[in-house]
């Protein structure tokens, strides 16, 4: 027996427990309706009245007006939890509240995944007739004009997810860009870390220091780059130390040369020239050693 058939029969048994004297004709129609939706994981609202059973799928962008169209003095409402195979009697207010909830939006790793999801959802619910999948800000304004709270909440959450993905992309690019100094790296990366919700009290720590902190609560984009940023930071600091050593060596040699020039008894030209050549060769050797 397939999963959908088994689920629909289990749900029908749950209804039989709630309504033991259910009419056979209604029972048959309910089973036929449940089979249609039993392959889905979204919960359902089931309405039973003199016209027979009506099923409305939750967590979708279907109009709340579907519920109003099925109102009658003899209607009864049930919340069907598809994954737990559980049926609960509810009133109209509860059914209305459940229908107004915006669909759950999955997590996306890339903007391309988000774009694919949006195109599929817009096509599925026919949203392209009055919204623009390529202009979500326009779509949000249009949803507000339509006074559709469910659609407003859904588009708003999509925009938040889109902006977060774009910010993560910028952060990733900035961490890999070229900088002359470690301070320039800090100046470019830290503002984006702040936008990604990184704790202010940790912001001035070096990346090597951050690598030993508990990263719970940090944005994944930051977590995944700390090791890489620590290596870049170490390379900048190593280059800086080598440059400082080179400069110190050069300064010491220049001091020695200047001291030799001010000696009271000047050496013969040939001797002075030889010392100068030896000094320059020593300078070049030491400088190359630190490159």
Protein backbone atom coordinates (compact mmCIF):
# COMPACT_ATOMS: atom_id res chain seq x y z
CA UNK A 1 0.00 0.00 0.00
CA UNK A 2 1.36 3.41 -0.97
CA UNK A 3 2.12 6.06 1.63
CA UNK A 4 -0.68 8.35 0.38
CA UNK A 5 -3.33 5.58 0.48
CA UNK A 6 -2.24 4.47 3.93
CA UNK A 7 -2.32 8.05 5.17
CA UNK A 8 -5.78 8.75 3.72
CA UNK A 9 -7.24 5.58 5.28
CA UNK A 10 -5.66 6.41 8.65
CA UNK A 11 -7.19 9.88 8.49
CA UNK A 12 -10.58 8.46 7.56
CA UNK A 13 -10.43 6.21 10.63
CA UNK A 14 -9.62 9.26 12.74
CA UNK A 15 -12.73 10.98 11.35
CA UNK A 16 -14.80 7.85 12.02
CA UNK A 17 -13.77 8.02 15.68
CA UNK A 18 -14.87 11.67 15.83
CA UNK A 19 -18.06 11.15 13.80
CA UNK A 20 -19.15 7.52 14.30
CA UNK A 21 -22.52 8.07 12.61
CA UNK A 22 -21.09 9.68 9.45
CA UNK A 23 -23.27 9.18 6.37
CA UNK A 24 -21.83 6.59 3.98
CA UNK A 25 -22.02 8.95 1.02
CA UNK A 26 -20.16 11.66 2.96
CA UNK A 27 -17.68 9.04 4.12
CA UNK A 28 -16.96 8.05 0.52
CA UNK A 29 -16.57 11.67 -0.65
CA UNK A 30 -14.28 12.43 2.28
CA UNK A 31 -12.05 9.47 1.44
CA UNK A 32 -11.86 10.59 -2.21
CA UNK A 33 -10.92 14.12 -1.11
CA UNK A 34 -8.32 12.94 1.40
CA UNK A 35 -6.63 10.78 -1.24
CA UNK A 36 -6.02 13.91 -3.35
CA UNK A 37 -4.12 15.63 -0.52
CA UNK A 38 -2.58 12.65 1.25
CA UNK A 39 0.63 12.92 -0.74
CA UNK A 40 1.24 16.43 0.67
CA UNK A 41 2.75 17.28 4.06
CA UNK A 42 0.85 20.55 4.51
CA UNK A 43 -1.91 20.47 7.12
CA UNK A 44 -5.56 20.74 6.03
CA UNK A 45 -8.81 22.38 7.06
CA UNK A 46 -11.74 20.01 6.47
CA UNK A 47 -15.25 21.51 6.32
CA UNK A 48 -18.26 19.24 6.58
CA UNK A 49 -21.74 20.53 5.79
CA UNK A 50 -24.86 19.63 3.84
CA UNK A 51 -22.93 20.00 0.57
CA UNK A 52 -20.40 17.37 1.59
CA UNK A 53 -16.72 17.66 2.54
CA UNK A 54 -14.48 20.54 1.46
CA UNK A 55 -10.72 20.49 1.99
CA UNK A 56 -8.50 23.59 2.06
CA UNK A 57 -4.73 23.13 2.17
CA UNK A 58 -2.89 25.26 4.73
CA UNK A 59 0.48 26.95 4.25
CA UNK A 60 -0.38 27.89 0.72
CA UNK A 61 -1.27 31.19 -0.91
CA UNK A 62 -4.89 30.28 -1.50
CA UNK A 63 -7.42 32.96 -0.69
CA UNK A 64 -9.01 33.07 2.75
CA UNK A 65 -12.26 33.73 0.90
CA UNK A 66 -12.42 29.98 0.20
CA UNK A 67 -13.42 29.55 3.83
CA UNK A 68 -16.13 32.19 3.66
CA UNK A 69 -17.62 30.57 0.58
CA UNK A 70 -18.24 27.37 2.55
CA UNK A 71 -19.94 28.98 5.56
CA UNK A 72 -23.26 27.58 6.64
CA UNK A 73 -25.16 27.08 9.87
CA UNK A 74 -24.41 23.37 9.75
CA UNK A 75 -20.68 23.51 8.94
CA UNK A 76 -18.16 21.81 11.18
CA UNK A 77 -14.40 22.35 10.94
CA UNK A 78 -11.44 20.06 11.49
CA UNK A 79 -7.69 20.68 11.56
CA UNK A 80 -5.86 17.76 9.98
CA UNK A 81 -2.19 17.40 10.95
CA UNK A 82 -0.83 15.43 8.03
CA UNK A 83 2.53 14.35 9.40
CA UNK A 84 1.19 13.25 12.78
CA UNK A 85 -2.01 11.79 11.24
CA UNK A 86 -4.12 13.64 13.76
CA UNK A 87 -7.57 15.28 13.44
CA UNK A 88 -8.87 18.00 15.80
CA UNK A 89 -12.31 19.64 15.74
CA UNK A 90 -11.97 23.46 15.60
CA UNK A 91 -14.26 26.46 15.32
CA UNK A 92 -14.53 28.99 12.50
CA UNK A 93 -12.23 31.52 14.21
CA UNK A 94 -9.45 28.96 14.55
CA UNK A 95 -9.89 27.86 10.93
CA UNK A 96 -9.74 31.48 9.77
CA UNK A 97 -6.58 32.11 11.81
CA UNK A 98 -4.87 29.02 10.40
CA UNK A 99 -5.70 30.02 6.84
CA UNK A 100 -4.25 33.51 7.32
CA UNK A 101 -0.81 32.16 8.24
CA UNK A 102 1.74 32.72 5.49
CA UNK A 103 3.36 29.63 3.95
CA UNK A 104 6.63 28.50 5.48
CA UNK A 105 9.60 29.57 3.36
CA UNK A 106 12.55 27.15 3.19
CA UNK A 107 16.18 28.09 3.77
CA UNK A 108 18.31 28.92 0.73
CA UNK A 109 22.08 28.74 0.29
CA UNK A 110 22.22 30.89 -2.83
CA UNK A 111 20.26 33.61 -4.60
CA UNK A 112 19.85 31.22 -7.53
CA UNK A 113 17.96 28.77 -5.29
CA UNK A 114 15.72 31.59 -4.06
CA UNK A 115 15.00 32.75 -7.62
CA UNK A 116 14.07 29.20 -8.66
CA UNK A 117 11.71 28.85 -5.68
CA UNK A 118 10.06 32.20 -6.44
CA UNK A 119 9.45 31.38 -10.09
CA UNK A 120 7.88 28.06 -9.12
CA UNK A 121 5.64 29.61 -6.43
CA UNK A 122 4.52 32.51 -8.64
CA UNK A 123 3.63 30.02 -11.37
CA UNK A 124 1.92 27.63 -8.94
CA UNK A 125 -0.40 30.26 -7.46
CA UNK A 126 -0.81 32.45 -10.54
CA UNK A 127 0.80 35.45 -8.84
CA UNK A 128 2.33 36.75 -12.07
CA UNK A 129 -1.05 38.20 -13.06
CA UNK A 130 -0.71 41.02 -10.51
CA UNK A 131 2.80 40.74 -9.00
CA UNK A 132 6.30 40.86 -10.51
CA UNK A 133 8.66 38.03 -9.61
CA UNK A 134 11.65 40.15 -10.71
CA UNK A 135 10.66 43.17 -8.59
CA UNK A 136 9.77 42.09 -5.07
CA UNK A 137 9.56 45.64 -3.74
CA UNK A 138 6.86 46.38 -6.32
CA UNK A 139 5.16 43.09 -5.41
CA UNK A 140 5.11 44.09 -1.74
CA UNK A 141 3.54 47.46 -2.55
CA UNK A 142 0.96 45.71 -4.72
CA UNK A 143 0.16 43.24 -1.92
CA UNK A 144 -0.48 46.17 0.40
CA UNK A 145 -2.81 47.74 -2.17
CA UNK A 146 -4.70 44.44 -2.29
CA UNK A 147 -4.82 44.42 1.55
CA UNK A 148 -3.86 40.75 1.53
CA UNK A 149 -2.17 40.21 4.91
CA UNK A 150 -1.08 36.69 4.03
CA UNK A 151 0.60 37.81 0.82
CA UNK A 152 2.18 40.84 2.53
CA UNK A 153 3.76 38.62 5.19
CA UNK A 154 5.00 36.13 2.58
CA UNK A 155 6.58 38.70 0.24
CA UNK A 156 8.09 40.58 3.20
CA UNK A 157 9.82 37.44 4.45
CA UNK A 158 11.08 36.65 0.94
CA UNK A 159 12.62 40.14 0.73
CA UNK A 160 14.35 39.67 4.10
CA UNK A 161 15.82 36.36 2.93
CA UNK A 162 16.89 37.87 -0.41
CA UNK A 163 18.67 40.79 1.29
CA UNK A 164 20.43 38.46 3.72
CA UNK A 165 21.70 36.26 0.87
CA UNK A 166 22.94 39.34 -1.01
CA UNK A 167 24.74 40.54 2.14
CA UNK A 168 26.41 37.15 2.59
CA UNK A 169 27.58 37.29 -1.03
CA UNK A 170 29.11 40.74 -0.43
CA UNK A 171 30.80 39.51 2.75
CA UNK A 172 32.28 36.52 0.91
CA UNK A 173 33.65 38.75 -1.86
CA UNK A 174 35.12 41.28 0.58
CA UNK A 175 36.98 38.60 2.54
CA UNK A 176 38.76 37.53 -0.67
CA UNK A 177 39.63 41.01 -1.99
CA UNK A 178 43.18 42.43 -2.00
CA UNK A 179 44.28 44.83 0.77
CA UNK A 180 47.59 46.54 1.45
CA UNK A 181 47.46 46.14 5.23
CA UNK A 182 45.69 44.15 7.92
CA UNK A 183 43.99 47.36 9.06
CA UNK A 184 42.49 47.78 5.58
CA UNK A 185 41.19 44.20 5.84
CA UNK A 186 39.57 44.97 9.21
CA UNK A 187 38.01 48.17 7.84
CA UNK A 188 36.39 46.29 4.95
CA UNK A 189 35.24 43.14 6.76
CA UNK A 190 34.05 44.35 10.16
CA UNK A 191 31.18 46.61 8.96
CA UNK A 192 29.68 43.66 7.06
CA UNK A 193 30.10 41.42 10.09
CA UNK A 194 28.08 43.98 12.05
CA UNK A 195 25.33 43.95 9.39
CA UNK A 196 25.25 40.16 9.69
CA UNK A 197 24.47 40.50 13.39
CA UNK A 198 27.93 39.85 14.84
CA UNK A 199 28.15 40.81 18.57
CA UNK A 200 29.49 44.34 19.13
CA UNK A 201 31.50 43.28 22.19
CA UNK A 202 33.61 40.93 20.03
CA UNK A 203 34.04 43.22 17.05
CA UNK A 204 37.53 44.57 17.93
CA UNK A 205 39.09 41.17 18.55
CA UNK A 206 41.57 39.90 15.99
CA UNK A 207 40.43 37.03 13.80
CA UNK A 208 42.89 34.68 15.50
CA UNK A 209 41.31 35.59 18.85
CA UNK A 210 37.82 35.02 17.47
CA UNK A 211 38.79 31.54 16.30
CA UNK A 212 38.82 30.31 19.92
CA UNK A 213 35.45 31.82 20.88
CA UNK A 214 32.18 29.88 20.91
CA UNK A 215 30.59 30.71 17.55
CA UNK A 216 27.04 29.82 18.60
CA UNK A 217 24.64 32.46 17.30
CA UNK A 218 27.02 33.80 14.64
CA UNK A 219 25.83 33.97 11.06
CA UNK A 220 26.98 30.96 9.04
CA UNK A 221 28.78 33.22 6.55
CA UNK A 222 31.01 34.50 9.37
CA UNK A 223 31.55 31.09 10.97
CA UNK A 224 32.71 29.59 7.69
CA UNK A 225 35.25 32.38 7.05
CA UNK A 226 36.94 32.81 10.45
CA UNK A 227 39.67 30.23 9.74
CA UNK A 228 40.35 31.78 6.32
CA UNK A 229 40.44 35.32 7.78
CA UNK A 230 42.78 34.15 10.55
CA UNK A 231 45.26 32.89 7.93
CA UNK A 232 45.05 36.14 5.96
CA UNK A 233 45.54 38.16 9.14
CA UNK A 234 48.61 36.09 10.10
CA UNK A 235 50.12 36.62 6.64
CA UNK A 236 49.65 40.39 6.84
CA UNK A 237 51.20 40.52 10.32
CA UNK A 238 54.13 38.35 9.20
CA UNK A 239 54.76 40.59 6.18
CA UNK A 240 54.60 43.66 8.43
CA UNK A 241 57.16 42.18 10.84
CA UNK A 242 59.55 41.33 7.99
CA UNK A 243 59.21 44.84 6.56
CA UNK A 244 59.99 46.36 9.96
CA UNK A 245 63.08 44.14 10.33
CA UNK A 246 64.31 45.13 6.87
CA UNK A 247 63.86 48.79 7.66
CA UNK A 248 65.68 48.41 10.99
CA UNK A 249 68.63 46.70 9.28
CA UNK A 250 68.79 49.40 6.61
CA UNK A 251 68.70 52.14 9.26
CA UNK A 252 71.54 50.47 11.21
CA UNK A 253 73.73 50.15 8.11
CA UNK A 254 73.10 53.75 7.11
CA UNK A 255 74.07 54.83 10.60
CA UNK A 256 77.35 52.89 10.30
CA UNK A 257 78.10 54.46 6.91
CA UNK A 258 77.43 57.95 8.24
CA UNK A 259 79.65 57.25 11.25
CA UNK A 260 82.47 56.17 8.94
CA UNK A 261 82.18 59.40 6.94
CA UNK A 262 82.66 61.51 10.05
CA UNK A 263 85.84 59.68 11.23
CA UNK A 264 88.77 62.05 12.07
CA UNK A 265 91.34 60.28 9.92
CA UNK A 266 89.89 59.70 6.49
CA UNK A 267 91.00 56.51 4.81
CA UNK A 268 92.58 56.50 1.38
CA UNK A 269 90.09 56.62 -1.47
CA UNK A 270 90.69 52.99 -2.48
CA UNK A 271 90.11 51.69 1.03
CA UNK A 272 86.98 53.80 1.46
CA UNK A 273 85.64 52.56 -1.88
CA UNK A 274 86.23 48.92 -0.90
CA UNK A 275 84.42 49.38 2.42
CA UNK A 276 81.53 51.06 0.63
CA UNK A 277 81.21 48.17 -1.85
CA UNK A 278 81.36 45.61 0.97
CA UNK A 279 78.76 47.57 2.89
CA UNK A 280 76.37 47.67 -0.04
CA UNK A 281 76.81 43.95 -0.69
CA UNK A 282 76.08 43.22 2.97
CA UNK A 283 73.00 45.43 2.80
CA UNK A 284 71.69 43.63 -0.28
CA UNK A 285 72.30 40.22 1.33
CA UNK A 286 70.42 41.12 4.50
CA UNK A 287 67.52 42.73 2.64
CA UNK A 288 67.13 39.67 0.39
CA UNK A 289 67.20 37.43 3.42
CA UNK A 290 63.95 38.93 4.70
CA UNK A 291 62.10 38.99 1.38
